[in-house]
Amino acid sequence: MACCLALSSALRCLPSRSATLGGDDIVIELVEATGFGSWGLLILLMGIVFFHGLFFDWIEITLIVLPVFSPIIGVLDFGEHIAKVDVVYWFAILLAVNLQTSFLTPPFGFALFYMKAVSPKVVKIQQIYTGIIPFVMLQLIGLGMVIAFPEIAMWLPRPLLN
């Protein structure tokens, strides 16, 4: 229990310590050195989150990814596709949609284990793994739609935040 509390407090201090020690500047310099541009970085960040979703739960992903990605998100510019003030909220929604896939992707998709627990004994976990492929594809199509058409996700936050 004490280790969990110590780890939790260390993770809560990480973003502020990183910013104080210049970690944000280092991350931004590394990202600018890649030369990907805003769209390339967005695809890269979404790919990293999706890859982490294969092995980690959403809590671990957000604790690992958000302190590193937050300075990057602040400098992204998508021109007229989405307003600069809305990029952070749009990215948060993209991240949430992307994290939904972590519940469905093997080997640690919790929804898969719930499905196995309630299914008959003749259903094997491999059958469940192959059965979720269309649903993961639907999630990725939904993520692509929110990327291509930000208004799908921003119709409610804009009036609430303005």
N, C-alpha and C. Protein backbone atom coordinates (compact mmCIF):
# COMPACT_ATOMS: atom_id res chain seq x y z
N MET A 1 0.82 -1.19 0.00
CA MET A 1 0.00 0.00 0.00
C MET A 1 0.86 1.26 0.00
N ALA A 2 1.91 1.23 0.80
CA ALA A 2 2.79 2.40 0.87
C ALA A 2 3.48 2.63 -0.46
N CYS A 3 3.86 1.54 -1.14
CA CYS A 3 4.51 1.68 -2.45
C CYS A 3 3.55 2.30 -3.46
N CYS A 4 2.29 1.89 -3.41
CA CYS A 4 1.29 2.46 -4.32
C CYS A 4 1.11 3.95 -4.08
N LEU A 5 1.08 4.35 -2.82
CA LEU A 5 0.95 5.77 -2.50
C LEU A 5 2.17 6.57 -2.96
N ALA A 6 3.35 6.00 -2.76
CA ALA A 6 4.58 6.69 -3.17
C ALA A 6 4.63 6.81 -4.69
N LEU A 7 4.29 5.74 -5.39
CA LEU A 7 4.29 5.78 -6.85
C LEU A 7 3.25 6.77 -7.36
N SER A 8 2.08 6.76 -6.75
CA SER A 8 1.02 7.68 -7.16
C SER A 8 1.45 9.13 -6.97
N SER A 9 2.04 9.44 -5.84
CA SER A 9 2.46 10.83 -5.60
C SER A 9 3.60 11.22 -6.54
N ALA A 10 4.48 10.28 -6.85
CA ALA A 10 5.57 10.57 -7.78
C ALA A 10 5.02 10.85 -9.17
N LEU A 11 4.03 10.08 -9.61
CA LEU A 11 3.45 10.29 -10.92
C LEU A 11 2.66 11.59 -11.00
N ARG A 12 2.07 12.01 -9.89
CA ARG A 12 1.34 13.28 -9.88
C ARG A 12 2.30 14.45 -9.95
N CYS A 13 3.49 14.29 -9.44
CA CYS A 13 4.48 15.37 -9.46
C CYS A 13 5.27 15.41 -10.75
N LEU A 14 5.26 14.32 -11.51
CA LEU A 14 6.08 14.23 -12.72
C LEU A 14 5.83 15.36 -13.71
N PRO A 15 4.57 15.67 -14.06
CA PRO A 15 4.39 16.75 -15.04
C PRO A 15 4.91 18.10 -14.57
N SER A 16 4.69 18.45 -13.31
CA SER A 16 5.15 19.75 -12.84
C SER A 16 6.67 19.77 -12.71
N ARG A 17 7.27 18.68 -12.25
CA ARG A 17 8.73 18.61 -12.16
C ARG A 17 9.34 18.66 -13.55
N SER A 18 8.74 17.97 -14.48
CA SER A 18 9.25 17.95 -15.85
C SER A 18 9.24 19.36 -16.44
N ALA A 19 8.16 20.08 -16.24
CA ALA A 19 8.06 21.45 -16.76
C ALA A 19 9.06 22.36 -16.07
N THR A 20 9.23 22.20 -14.77
CA THR A 20 10.16 23.04 -14.02
C THR A 20 11.60 22.82 -14.47
N LEU A 21 11.93 21.57 -14.76
CA LEU A 21 13.31 21.24 -15.13
C LEU A 21 13.58 21.39 -16.63
N GLY A 22 12.60 21.88 -17.38
CA GLY A 22 12.80 22.09 -18.80
C GLY A 22 12.46 20.90 -19.67
N GLY A 23 11.76 19.94 -19.13
CA GLY A 23 11.39 18.75 -19.88
C GLY A 23 10.48 19.06 -21.05
N ASP A 24 9.60 20.04 -20.88
CA ASP A 24 8.70 20.43 -21.98
C ASP A 24 9.49 20.93 -23.18
N ASP A 25 10.52 21.73 -22.90
CA ASP A 25 11.33 22.27 -24.00
C ASP A 25 12.08 21.15 -24.72
N ILE A 26 12.55 20.17 -23.98
CA ILE A 26 13.28 19.05 -24.59
C ILE A 26 12.35 18.25 -25.49
N VAL A 27 11.13 17.98 -25.00
CA VAL A 27 10.16 17.22 -25.79
C VAL A 27 9.81 17.98 -27.06
N ILE A 28 9.58 19.28 -26.96
CA ILE A 28 9.23 20.08 -28.13
C ILE A 28 10.39 20.11 -29.13
N GLU A 29 11.63 20.24 -28.65
CA GLU A 29 12.78 20.22 -29.56
C GLU A 29 12.90 18.88 -30.28
N LEU A 30 12.69 17.78 -29.56
CA LEU A 30 12.76 16.46 -30.18
C LEU A 30 11.68 16.29 -31.24
N VAL A 31 10.49 16.78 -30.94
CA VAL A 31 9.38 16.66 -31.88
C VAL A 31 9.63 17.51 -33.12
N GLU A 32 10.10 18.72 -32.92
CA GLU A 32 10.38 19.59 -34.06
C GLU A 32 11.50 19.03 -34.93
N ALA A 33 12.43 18.29 -34.32
CA ALA A 33 13.53 17.69 -35.08
C ALA A 33 13.05 16.57 -36.00
N THR A 34 11.90 15.97 -35.71
CA THR A 34 11.40 14.89 -36.57
C THR A 34 10.92 15.43 -37.90
N GLY A 35 10.39 16.65 -37.92
CA GLY A 35 9.92 17.25 -39.16
C GLY A 35 8.62 16.67 -39.69
N PHE A 36 7.84 16.04 -38.83
CA PHE A 36 6.59 15.41 -39.26
C PHE A 36 5.49 16.41 -39.59
N GLY A 37 5.45 17.53 -38.93
CA GLY A 37 4.33 18.46 -39.08
C GLY A 37 3.20 18.05 -38.15
N SER A 38 2.18 18.88 -38.09
CA SER A 38 1.09 18.64 -37.15
C SER A 38 0.33 17.35 -37.44
N TRP A 39 0.01 17.10 -38.71
CA TRP A 39 -0.75 15.89 -39.05
C TRP A 39 0.06 14.63 -38.81
N GLY A 40 1.32 14.65 -39.15
CA GLY A 40 2.17 13.49 -38.91
C GLY A 40 2.32 13.20 -37.43
N LEU A 41 2.46 14.27 -36.64
CA LEU A 41 2.56 14.09 -35.19
C LEU A 41 1.27 13.55 -34.60
N LEU A 42 0.14 14.03 -35.09
CA LEU A 42 -1.14 13.54 -34.59
C LEU A 42 -1.27 12.04 -34.86
N ILE A 43 -0.94 11.61 -36.07
CA ILE A 43 -1.01 10.19 -36.41
C ILE A 43 -0.02 9.39 -35.56
N LEU A 44 1.18 9.94 -35.36
CA LEU A 44 2.17 9.26 -34.52
C LEU A 44 1.68 9.12 -33.08
N LEU A 45 1.14 10.19 -32.52
CA LEU A 45 0.65 10.16 -31.14
C LEU A 45 -0.50 9.18 -30.99
N MET A 46 -1.42 9.18 -31.96
CA MET A 46 -2.54 8.23 -31.90
C MET A 46 -2.04 6.78 -32.05
N GLY A 47 -1.02 6.58 -32.87
CA GLY A 47 -0.43 5.25 -33.02
C GLY A 47 0.24 4.79 -31.74
N ILE A 48 0.93 5.69 -31.06
CA ILE A 48 1.57 5.34 -29.78
C ILE A 48 0.52 4.96 -28.75
N VAL A 49 -0.56 5.73 -28.68
CA VAL A 49 -1.63 5.42 -27.73
C VAL A 49 -2.27 4.07 -28.07
N PHE A 50 -2.51 3.83 -29.36
CA PHE A 50 -3.10 2.55 -29.76
C PHE A 50 -2.17 1.39 -29.41
N PHE A 51 -0.87 1.55 -29.65
CA PHE A 51 0.10 0.50 -29.31
C PHE A 51 0.13 0.26 -27.81
N HIS A 52 0.14 1.33 -27.01
CA HIS A 52 0.10 1.16 -25.56
C HIS A 52 -1.17 0.44 -25.12
N GLY A 53 -2.28 0.67 -25.86
CA GLY A 53 -3.54 0.03 -25.51
C GLY A 53 -3.50 -1.49 -25.62
N LEU A 54 -2.55 -2.01 -26.37
CA LEU A 54 -2.41 -3.46 -26.46
C LEU A 54 -1.89 -4.05 -25.16
N PHE A 55 -1.15 -3.27 -24.38
CA PHE A 55 -0.47 -3.83 -23.22
C PHE A 55 -0.83 -3.20 -21.88
N PHE A 56 -1.42 -2.01 -21.91
CA PHE A 56 -1.70 -1.30 -20.66
C PHE A 56 -3.18 -0.96 -20.57
N ASP A 57 -3.62 -0.70 -19.35
CA ASP A 57 -4.97 -0.21 -19.12
C ASP A 57 -4.98 1.30 -19.36
N TRP A 58 -6.19 1.88 -19.47
CA TRP A 58 -6.28 3.30 -19.81
C TRP A 58 -5.67 4.20 -18.75
N ILE A 59 -5.70 3.80 -17.50
CA ILE A 59 -5.14 4.64 -16.45
C ILE A 59 -3.63 4.75 -16.62
N GLU A 60 -2.97 3.61 -16.85
CA GLU A 60 -1.53 3.64 -17.05
C GLU A 60 -1.16 4.45 -18.29
N ILE A 61 -1.95 4.30 -19.34
CA ILE A 61 -1.66 5.04 -20.57
C ILE A 61 -1.74 6.54 -20.33
N THR A 62 -2.78 6.98 -19.65
CA THR A 62 -2.91 8.42 -19.42
C THR A 62 -1.82 8.93 -18.49
N LEU A 63 -1.41 8.13 -17.50
CA LEU A 63 -0.35 8.57 -16.60
C LEU A 63 1.01 8.63 -17.31
N ILE A 64 1.22 7.76 -18.29
CA ILE A 64 2.49 7.75 -19.01
C ILE A 64 2.48 8.78 -20.14
N VAL A 65 1.40 8.83 -20.89
CA VAL A 65 1.36 9.58 -22.14
C VAL A 65 1.07 11.06 -21.95
N LEU A 66 0.12 11.41 -21.13
CA LEU A 66 -0.28 12.82 -21.04
C LEU A 66 0.83 13.77 -20.59
N PRO A 67 1.66 13.41 -19.61
CA PRO A 67 2.74 14.35 -19.27
C PRO A 67 3.73 14.58 -20.40
N VAL A 68 3.92 13.58 -21.26
CA VAL A 68 4.85 13.72 -22.37
C VAL A 68 4.18 14.42 -23.55
N PHE A 69 2.91 14.11 -23.80
CA PHE A 69 2.22 14.64 -24.97
C PHE A 69 1.70 16.06 -24.77
N SER A 70 1.48 16.49 -23.54
CA SER A 70 0.85 17.80 -23.33
C SER A 70 1.65 18.96 -23.92
N PRO A 71 2.99 19.02 -23.82
CA PRO A 71 3.67 20.14 -24.49
C PRO A 71 3.60 20.04 -26.02
N ILE A 72 3.51 18.82 -26.54
CA ILE A 72 3.42 18.64 -27.98
C ILE A 72 2.08 19.17 -28.49
N ILE A 73 1.03 18.86 -27.78
CA ILE A 73 -0.32 19.26 -28.19
C ILE A 73 -0.43 20.77 -28.24
N GLY A 74 0.24 21.44 -27.33
CA GLY A 74 0.18 22.90 -27.29
C GLY A 74 0.75 23.58 -28.52
N VAL A 75 1.64 22.92 -29.25
CA VAL A 75 2.26 23.56 -30.41
C VAL A 75 1.68 23.08 -31.74
N LEU A 76 0.77 22.14 -31.71
CA LEU A 76 0.17 21.65 -32.97
C LEU A 76 -0.72 22.72 -33.59
N ASP A 77 -0.64 22.85 -34.90
CA ASP A 77 -1.45 23.81 -35.63
C ASP A 77 -2.01 23.13 -36.87
N PHE A 78 -3.33 23.05 -36.94
CA PHE A 78 -3.99 22.38 -38.06
C PHE A 78 -4.65 23.37 -39.01
N GLY A 79 -4.24 24.62 -38.94
CA GLY A 79 -4.76 25.63 -39.85
C GLY A 79 -6.25 25.84 -39.66
N GLU A 80 -6.98 25.77 -40.75
CA GLU A 80 -8.42 26.01 -40.71
C GLU A 80 -9.22 24.75 -40.41
N HIS A 81 -8.54 23.61 -40.28
CA HIS A 81 -9.26 22.37 -39.99
C HIS A 81 -9.92 22.44 -38.62
N ILE A 82 -9.20 22.97 -37.66
CA ILE A 82 -9.75 23.17 -36.31
C ILE A 82 -9.03 24.37 -35.70
N ALA A 83 -9.79 25.16 -34.96
CA ALA A 83 -9.23 26.36 -34.35
C ALA A 83 -8.16 26.00 -33.32
N LYS A 84 -7.16 26.85 -33.19
CA LYS A 84 -6.04 26.61 -32.28
C LYS A 84 -6.52 26.42 -30.83
N VAL A 85 -7.54 27.16 -30.42
CA VAL A 85 -8.04 27.05 -29.05
C VAL A 85 -8.76 25.73 -28.81
N ASP A 86 -9.24 25.08 -29.86
CA ASP A 86 -9.97 23.83 -29.72
C ASP A 86 -9.10 22.59 -29.84
N VAL A 87 -7.82 22.75 -30.18
CA VAL A 87 -6.96 21.58 -30.43
C VAL A 87 -6.82 20.71 -29.19
N VAL A 88 -6.66 21.32 -28.03
CA VAL A 88 -6.48 20.54 -26.80
C VAL A 88 -7.73 19.70 -26.51
N TYR A 89 -8.90 20.29 -26.64
CA TYR A 89 -10.14 19.56 -26.38
C TYR A 89 -10.37 18.48 -27.42
N TRP A 90 -10.08 18.80 -28.67
CA TRP A 90 -10.21 17.83 -29.75
C TRP A 90 -9.27 16.65 -29.52
N PHE A 91 -8.03 16.94 -29.12
CA PHE A 91 -7.08 15.87 -28.85
C PHE A 91 -7.54 15.01 -27.67
N ALA A 92 -8.10 15.64 -26.65
CA ALA A 92 -8.60 14.86 -25.51
C ALA A 92 -9.71 13.90 -25.95
N ILE A 93 -10.58 14.35 -26.83
CA ILE A 93 -11.65 13.48 -27.33
C ILE A 93 -11.06 12.39 -28.21
N LEU A 94 -10.09 12.73 -29.06
CA LEU A 94 -9.42 11.71 -29.86
C LEU A 94 -8.75 10.67 -28.97
N LEU A 95 -8.12 11.12 -27.92
CA LEU A 95 -7.47 10.21 -26.99
C LEU A 95 -8.48 9.29 -26.32
N ALA A 96 -9.63 9.84 -25.93
CA ALA A 96 -10.66 9.01 -25.31
C ALA A 96 -11.21 7.97 -26.27
N VAL A 97 -11.44 8.35 -27.51
CA VAL A 97 -11.92 7.40 -28.51
C VAL A 97 -10.87 6.33 -28.75
N ASN A 98 -9.62 6.73 -28.82
CA ASN A 98 -8.53 5.79 -29.03
C ASN A 98 -8.38 4.85 -27.84
N LEU A 99 -8.55 5.35 -26.63
CA LEU A 99 -8.43 4.51 -25.44
C LEU A 99 -9.55 3.47 -25.36
N GLN A 100 -10.68 3.74 -26.00
CA GLN A 100 -11.75 2.75 -26.02
C GLN A 100 -11.29 1.45 -26.66
N THR A 101 -10.37 1.54 -27.60
CA THR A 101 -9.88 0.33 -28.24
C THR A 101 -9.06 -0.52 -27.29
N SER A 102 -8.50 0.08 -26.24
CA SER A 102 -7.70 -0.69 -25.29
C SER A 102 -8.56 -1.71 -24.53
N PHE A 103 -9.85 -1.48 -24.47
CA PHE A 103 -10.73 -2.46 -23.83
C PHE A 103 -10.99 -3.65 -24.73
N LEU A 104 -10.72 -3.49 -26.03
CA LEU A 104 -11.05 -4.53 -27.00
C LEU A 104 -9.85 -5.24 -27.60
N THR A 105 -8.65 -4.71 -27.42
CA THR A 105 -7.51 -5.29 -28.11
C THR A 105 -6.78 -6.30 -27.24
N PRO A 106 -6.48 -7.45 -27.82
CA PRO A 106 -5.70 -8.46 -27.08
C PRO A 106 -4.26 -7.98 -26.92
N PRO A 107 -3.51 -8.44 -26.02
CA PRO A 107 -3.78 -9.53 -25.11
C PRO A 107 -4.41 -9.11 -23.78
N PHE A 108 -4.52 -7.79 -23.52
CA PHE A 108 -5.03 -7.34 -22.22
C PHE A 108 -6.34 -6.58 -22.31
N GLY A 109 -7.16 -6.85 -23.28
CA GLY A 109 -8.45 -6.17 -23.39
C GLY A 109 -9.41 -6.69 -22.33
N PHE A 110 -9.76 -5.83 -21.40
CA PHE A 110 -10.61 -6.26 -20.29
C PHE A 110 -11.99 -6.72 -20.75
N ALA A 111 -12.52 -6.07 -21.78
CA ALA A 111 -13.84 -6.48 -22.28
C ALA A 111 -13.80 -7.91 -22.81
N LEU A 112 -12.66 -8.32 -23.32
CA LEU A 112 -12.52 -9.69 -23.82
C LEU A 112 -12.61 -10.70 -22.68
N PHE A 113 -12.01 -10.37 -21.57
CA PHE A 113 -12.08 -11.27 -20.41
C PHE A 113 -13.48 -11.30 -19.81
N TYR A 114 -14.17 -10.17 -19.83
CA TYR A 114 -15.57 -10.16 -19.38
C TYR A 114 -16.41 -11.04 -20.29
N MET A 115 -16.16 -10.93 -21.59
CA MET A 115 -16.89 -11.73 -22.56
C MET A 115 -16.62 -13.22 -22.33
N LYS A 116 -15.39 -13.58 -22.07
CA LYS A 116 -15.04 -14.98 -21.82
C LYS A 116 -15.72 -15.48 -20.55
N ALA A 117 -15.82 -14.63 -19.55
CA ALA A 117 -16.42 -15.05 -18.28
C ALA A 117 -17.90 -15.36 -18.43
N VAL A 118 -18.60 -14.69 -19.30
CA VAL A 118 -20.04 -14.91 -19.44
C VAL A 118 -20.40 -15.83 -20.60
N SER A 119 -19.41 -16.22 -21.40
CA SER A 119 -19.70 -17.07 -22.55
C SER A 119 -19.69 -18.54 -22.12
N PRO A 120 -20.33 -19.40 -22.92
CA PRO A 120 -20.30 -20.84 -22.62
C PRO A 120 -18.88 -21.38 -22.64
N LYS A 121 -18.66 -22.50 -21.99
CA LYS A 121 -17.33 -23.10 -21.88
C LYS A 121 -16.75 -23.50 -23.24
N VAL A 122 -17.61 -23.76 -24.23
CA VAL A 122 -17.10 -24.20 -25.54
C VAL A 122 -16.46 -23.05 -26.33
N VAL A 123 -16.74 -21.82 -25.95
CA VAL A 123 -16.15 -20.66 -26.63
C VAL A 123 -14.75 -20.44 -26.09
N LYS A 124 -13.78 -20.45 -26.98
CA LYS A 124 -12.38 -20.26 -26.59
C LYS A 124 -12.02 -18.79 -26.70
N ILE A 125 -10.99 -18.41 -25.95
CA ILE A 125 -10.56 -17.01 -25.96
C ILE A 125 -10.05 -16.61 -27.35
N GLN A 126 -9.49 -17.56 -28.10
CA GLN A 126 -9.03 -17.26 -29.45
C GLN A 126 -10.21 -16.88 -30.36
N GLN A 127 -11.34 -17.51 -30.15
CA GLN A 127 -12.53 -17.16 -30.93
C GLN A 127 -12.99 -15.75 -30.59
N ILE A 128 -12.90 -15.39 -29.34
CA ILE A 128 -13.28 -14.04 -28.93
C ILE A 128 -12.30 -13.04 -29.52
N TYR A 129 -11.00 -13.37 -29.51
CA TYR A 129 -9.99 -12.48 -30.09
C TYR A 129 -10.28 -12.22 -31.56
N THR A 130 -10.60 -13.25 -32.32
CA THR A 130 -10.89 -13.04 -33.74
C THR A 130 -12.24 -12.36 -33.94
N GLY A 131 -13.16 -12.55 -33.02
CA GLY A 131 -14.48 -11.93 -33.14
C GLY A 131 -14.49 -10.44 -32.91
N ILE A 132 -13.47 -9.91 -32.25
CA ILE A 132 -13.48 -8.47 -31.96
C ILE A 132 -12.85 -7.64 -33.07
N ILE A 133 -12.24 -8.29 -34.04
CA ILE A 133 -11.55 -7.55 -35.11
C ILE A 133 -12.48 -6.54 -35.80
N PRO A 134 -13.72 -6.93 -36.17
CA PRO A 134 -14.59 -5.92 -36.80
C PRO A 134 -14.91 -4.74 -35.87
N PHE A 135 -15.00 -4.99 -34.59
CA PHE A 135 -15.32 -3.92 -33.65
C PHE A 135 -14.14 -2.97 -33.47
N VAL A 136 -12.92 -3.51 -33.47
CA VAL A 136 -11.75 -2.65 -33.42
C VAL A 136 -11.67 -1.81 -34.69
N MET A 137 -11.98 -2.42 -35.82
CA MET A 137 -12.00 -1.66 -37.09
C MET A 137 -13.04 -0.54 -37.04
N LEU A 138 -14.20 -0.82 -36.46
CA LEU A 138 -15.22 0.23 -36.31
C LEU A 138 -14.73 1.36 -35.41
N GLN A 139 -14.04 1.01 -34.33
CA GLN A 139 -13.47 2.03 -33.45
C GLN A 139 -12.48 2.90 -34.21
N LEU A 140 -11.62 2.26 -35.02
CA LEU A 140 -10.62 3.02 -35.78
C LEU A 140 -11.27 3.88 -36.86
N ILE A 141 -12.34 3.39 -37.46
CA ILE A 141 -13.09 4.20 -38.43
C ILE A 141 -13.70 5.41 -37.72
N GLY A 142 -14.26 5.18 -36.53
CA GLY A 142 -14.81 6.29 -35.75
C GLY A 142 -13.74 7.31 -35.38
N LEU A 143 -12.55 6.82 -35.02
CA LEU A 143 -11.45 7.72 -34.71
C LEU A 143 -11.06 8.53 -35.95
N GLY A 144 -11.00 7.86 -37.09
CA GLY A 144 -10.69 8.56 -38.34
C GLY A 144 -11.73 9.61 -38.68
N MET A 145 -13.00 9.31 -38.40
CA MET A 145 -14.06 10.28 -38.68
C MET A 145 -13.95 11.50 -37.77
N VAL A 146 -13.60 11.27 -36.50
CA VAL A 146 -13.44 12.41 -35.59
C VAL A 146 -12.22 13.23 -35.97
N ILE A 147 -11.18 12.58 -36.52
CA ILE A 147 -10.02 13.32 -37.01
C ILE A 147 -10.40 14.13 -38.24
N ALA A 148 -11.10 13.50 -39.18
CA ALA A 148 -11.44 14.16 -40.44
C ALA A 148 -12.51 15.24 -40.27
N PHE A 149 -13.44 15.01 -39.37
CA PHE A 149 -14.56 15.94 -39.16
C PHE A 149 -14.63 16.31 -37.68
N PRO A 150 -13.84 17.28 -37.22
CA PRO A 150 -13.80 17.62 -35.80
C PRO A 150 -15.14 18.05 -35.23
N GLU A 151 -16.05 18.52 -36.08
CA GLU A 151 -17.35 18.96 -35.59
C GLU A 151 -18.14 17.82 -34.95
N ILE A 152 -17.85 16.59 -35.34
CA ILE A 152 -18.51 15.44 -34.71
C ILE A 152 -18.26 15.46 -33.21
N ALA A 153 -17.04 15.79 -32.82
CA ALA A 153 -16.68 15.78 -31.41
C ALA A 153 -16.84 17.13 -30.73
N MET A 154 -16.77 18.21 -31.48
CA MET A 154 -16.72 19.54 -30.87
C MET A 154 -18.06 20.26 -30.81
N TRP A 155 -19.13 19.64 -31.23
CA TRP A 155 -20.41 20.34 -31.25
C TRP A 155 -20.89 20.67 -29.82
N LEU A 156 -20.55 19.85 -28.85
CA LEU A 156 -20.96 20.15 -27.48
C LEU A 156 -19.92 20.95 -26.71
N PRO A 157 -18.62 20.61 -26.78
CA PRO A 157 -17.66 21.40 -26.01
C PRO A 157 -17.57 22.86 -26.39
N ARG A 158 -17.73 23.18 -27.67
CA ARG A 158 -17.61 24.59 -28.08
C ARG A 158 -18.62 25.49 -27.37
N PRO A 159 -19.92 25.16 -27.40
CA PRO A 159 -20.84 26.06 -26.69
C PRO A 159 -20.64 26.07 -25.18
N LEU A 160 -20.20 24.96 -24.63
CA LEU A 160 -19.99 24.91 -23.17
C LEU A 160 -18.75 25.67 -22.73
N LEU A 161 -17.73 25.70 -23.58
CA LEU A 161 -16.49 26.35 -23.20
C LEU A 161 -16.41 27.81 -23.59
N ASN A 162 -17.27 28.26 -24.49
CA ASN A 162 -17.24 29.67 -24.92
C ASN A 162 -18.11 30.54 -24.10
